[in-house]
Protein backbone atom coordinates (compact mmCIF):
# COMPACT_ATOMS: atom_id res chain seq x y z
CA MET A 1 0.04 -0.07 -0.05
CA GLU A 2 1.38 3.29 -1.09
CA GLU A 3 2.34 5.86 1.70
CA TRP A 4 -0.24 8.70 0.75
CA PHE A 5 -3.06 6.38 1.01
CA LEU A 6 -2.05 5.51 4.60
CA TYR A 7 -1.86 9.25 5.52
CA SER A 8 -5.16 10.01 3.49
CA LEU A 9 -6.82 6.91 5.56
CA ALA A 10 -5.48 8.14 9.02
CA SER A 11 -6.53 11.75 8.02
CA CYS A 12 -10.07 10.43 7.26
CA PHE A 13 -10.29 8.54 10.45
CA LEU A 14 -9.25 11.70 12.18
CA TYR A 15 -11.93 13.74 10.52
CA SER A 16 -14.63 11.40 10.95
CA LEU A 17 -13.80 11.37 14.68
CA TRP A 18 -13.61 15.17 14.67
CA ALA A 19 -17.20 15.36 13.24
CA ILE A 20 -18.23 12.72 15.76
CA PHE A 21 -16.81 14.95 18.85
CA SER A 22 -18.32 17.88 17.14
CA LYS A 23 -21.67 16.78 17.35
CA LEU A 24 -21.14 15.43 21.03
CA ALA A 25 -20.04 19.08 21.59
CA SER A 26 -22.89 20.95 19.64
CA ARG A 27 -25.42 19.22 22.05
CA THR A 28 -24.30 21.17 24.84
CA VAL A 29 -22.09 24.12 23.60
CA ASP A 30 -23.30 27.01 21.22
CA THR A 31 -21.52 27.58 18.15
CA ASN A 32 -19.84 30.65 19.54
CA SER A 33 -18.61 28.67 22.57
CA PHE A 34 -17.27 26.00 20.42
CA ASN A 35 -15.41 28.33 18.27
CA LEU A 36 -14.09 30.35 20.99
CA LEU A 37 -12.82 27.40 22.70
CA GLN A 38 -11.34 25.93 19.34
CA LEU A 39 -9.33 28.78 18.82
CA PRO A 40 -6.59 28.95 21.52
CA ILE A 41 -6.38 25.22 21.62
CA ARG A 42 -6.04 25.13 17.69
CA VAL A 43 -3.21 27.62 17.99
CA ILE A 44 -1.32 25.96 20.51
CA VAL A 45 -1.67 22.26 19.06
CA THR A 46 -0.84 23.68 15.94
CA VAL A 47 2.11 25.66 16.70
CA PHE A 48 3.33 22.80 19.13
CA THR A 49 2.90 20.10 16.17
CA ALA A 50 4.72 22.43 13.54
CA LEU A 51 7.56 23.03 15.75
CA HIS A 52 7.68 19.26 16.66
CA ARG A 53 7.73 18.52 12.97
CA THR A 54 10.38 20.90 11.91
CA THR A 55 12.70 20.05 14.53
CA LYS A 56 12.18 16.43 13.68
CA GLN A 57 12.23 17.00 9.80
CA ILE A 58 15.34 19.26 10.39
CA PRO A 59 18.06 17.74 12.42
CA GLY A 60 19.92 20.29 14.36
CA SER A 61 17.65 23.48 13.97
CA SER A 62 17.29 25.63 17.00
CA VAL A 63 13.67 26.34 17.58
CA SER A 64 13.19 29.04 20.20
CA SER A 65 10.32 28.11 22.88
CA SER A 66 9.89 31.27 24.43
CA SER A 67 6.50 32.96 24.21
CA SER A 68 4.45 35.56 26.20
CA LEU A 69 0.76 36.14 26.32
CA SER A 70 -0.26 39.80 26.67
CA SER A 71 -3.20 40.45 29.05
CA SER A 72 -5.96 41.88 26.95
CA SER A 73 -9.37 42.72 27.40
CA SER A 74 -10.47 40.50 24.35
CA LEU A 75 -8.21 37.54 25.89
CA ASN A 76 -10.10 38.02 29.55
CA THR A 77 -13.29 37.79 27.64
CA ILE A 78 -12.66 34.61 26.15
CA VAL A 79 -11.27 33.18 29.31
CA ASN A 80 -14.39 34.29 31.28
CA HIS A 81 -16.76 33.08 28.30
CA ILE A 82 -14.86 29.19 28.36
CA GLY A 83 -15.41 29.27 32.49
CA ASP A 84 -19.00 29.31 31.59
CA LEU A 85 -19.10 26.10 29.14
CA ASN A 86 -20.52 22.76 30.28
CA LEU A 87 -17.53 20.28 31.04
CA TYR A 88 -18.79 17.44 28.86
CA GLY A 89 -19.17 20.02 26.09
CA SER A 90 -15.78 21.59 26.20
CA ILE A 91 -14.00 18.47 26.73
CA PHE A 92 -15.42 16.93 23.39
CA THR A 93 -14.59 20.56 21.91
CA VAL A 94 -11.06 19.97 22.77
CA ILE A 95 -10.90 16.37 21.79
CA SER A 96 -12.69 17.45 18.25
CA CYS A 97 -10.02 20.46 17.86
CA VAL A 98 -6.94 18.32 18.53
CA LEU A 99 -8.37 15.59 16.10
CA SER A 100 -8.99 18.15 13.36
CA VAL A 101 -5.30 19.63 13.72
CA PHE A 102 -3.93 16.24 13.41
CA ALA A 103 -6.04 15.45 10.44
CA SER A 104 -4.92 18.43 8.52
CA PHE A 105 -1.16 17.58 9.22
CA LEU A 106 -1.69 14.26 7.77
CA PHE A 107 -3.68 15.65 4.88
CA SER A 108 -0.73 17.71 4.41
CA ASP A 109 1.48 14.81 4.30
CA ALA A 110 -0.83 12.86 1.94
CA LEU A 111 -0.80 15.53 -0.38
CA GLU A 112 2.94 15.61 -0.41
CA LYS A 113 2.97 11.81 -1.34
CA GLY A 114 0.34 11.22 -3.60
CA ASP A 115 -2.24 13.02 -6.50
CA ALA A 116 -4.38 15.67 -4.96
CA SER A 117 -7.44 14.19 -6.73
CA SER A 118 -6.75 10.64 -5.02
CA VAL A 119 -6.13 12.22 -1.62
CA ALA A 120 -9.16 14.11 -1.87
CA VAL A 121 -11.31 11.53 -2.64
CA VAL A 122 -10.10 9.58 0.04
CA THR A 123 -10.01 11.95 2.76
CA GLY A 124 -13.06 13.62 1.74
CA SER A 125 -14.80 10.44 2.25
CA TYR A 126 -14.97 11.05 6.28
CA PRO A 127 -18.58 11.63 6.18
CA ALA A 128 -19.27 7.96 5.53
CA LEU A 129 -16.82 6.75 7.80
CA SER A 130 -18.26 9.05 10.18
CA TYR A 131 -21.90 7.60 9.66
CA ILE A 132 -20.36 4.22 10.03
CA ILE A 133 -19.01 4.98 13.37
CA SER A 134 -21.78 7.10 14.56
CA VAL A 135 -24.20 4.12 13.77
CA ILE A 136 -21.73 1.36 15.99
CA VAL A 137 -21.77 3.92 19.12
CA GLY A 138 -25.36 4.63 18.76
CA LEU A 139 -25.64 8.29 17.44
CA GLU A 140 -27.42 7.60 14.33
CA GLN A 141 -29.93 4.88 12.84
CA ILE A 142 -29.25 2.86 9.94
CA ASN A 143 -30.85 4.55 7.04
CA LEU A 144 -30.84 2.79 3.31
CA THR A 145 -29.82 6.04 1.60
CA LYS A 146 -26.91 6.58 3.47
CA LEU A 147 -25.60 3.04 3.36
CA LEU A 148 -25.72 3.40 -0.14
CA GLY A 149 -23.78 6.79 0.02
CA VAL A 150 -21.04 4.60 2.15
CA CYS A 151 -20.80 2.09 -0.28
CA LEU A 152 -20.61 4.51 -3.56
CA ALA A 153 -17.81 6.38 -0.96
CA ILE A 154 -16.06 3.10 -0.59
CA GLY A 155 -16.26 2.56 -4.19
CA SER A 156 -14.97 5.73 -5.20
CA CYS A 157 -11.94 5.45 -2.94
CA TYR A 158 -11.38 2.02 -4.29
CA CYS A 159 -11.30 3.61 -8.17
CA PHE A 160 -8.90 6.63 -7.21
CA ALA A 161 -6.49 4.35 -5.10
CA ILE A 162 -5.83 1.76 -7.97
CA SER A 163 -5.40 4.18 -10.67
């Protein structure tokens, strides 16, 4: 199996989990809270992952880890708003954010190693995998139309993977 395909499948899986945790978060957290909570986490996880990947890919490079946050009124507003969130909704939001950041990095890795059309089709089939996982964990019911969509998505991935 080619390396781009493995990265695409891993990215697809993380995007599937991202969709599920986002759905779970949406049950107890409003859209504004969801996005406010994701923003700082997304930045931290992205910076940490990017720095880790940079030092891993470029041996001997020195990356300064010193940074400082200034206390501004907008930051205080965000922190106060986040303090009012539901615990489970907040946890699901954090998990979905972390998964989406890692999925994005895997998607980029897959694009470096494979054709954009093939990578996009495999990664873009995450709604089908999200549906399968949602049925398994009891978040959704089996629906014949969606099942047909899953079969078509799998067939599409197969066609792009073998070409």
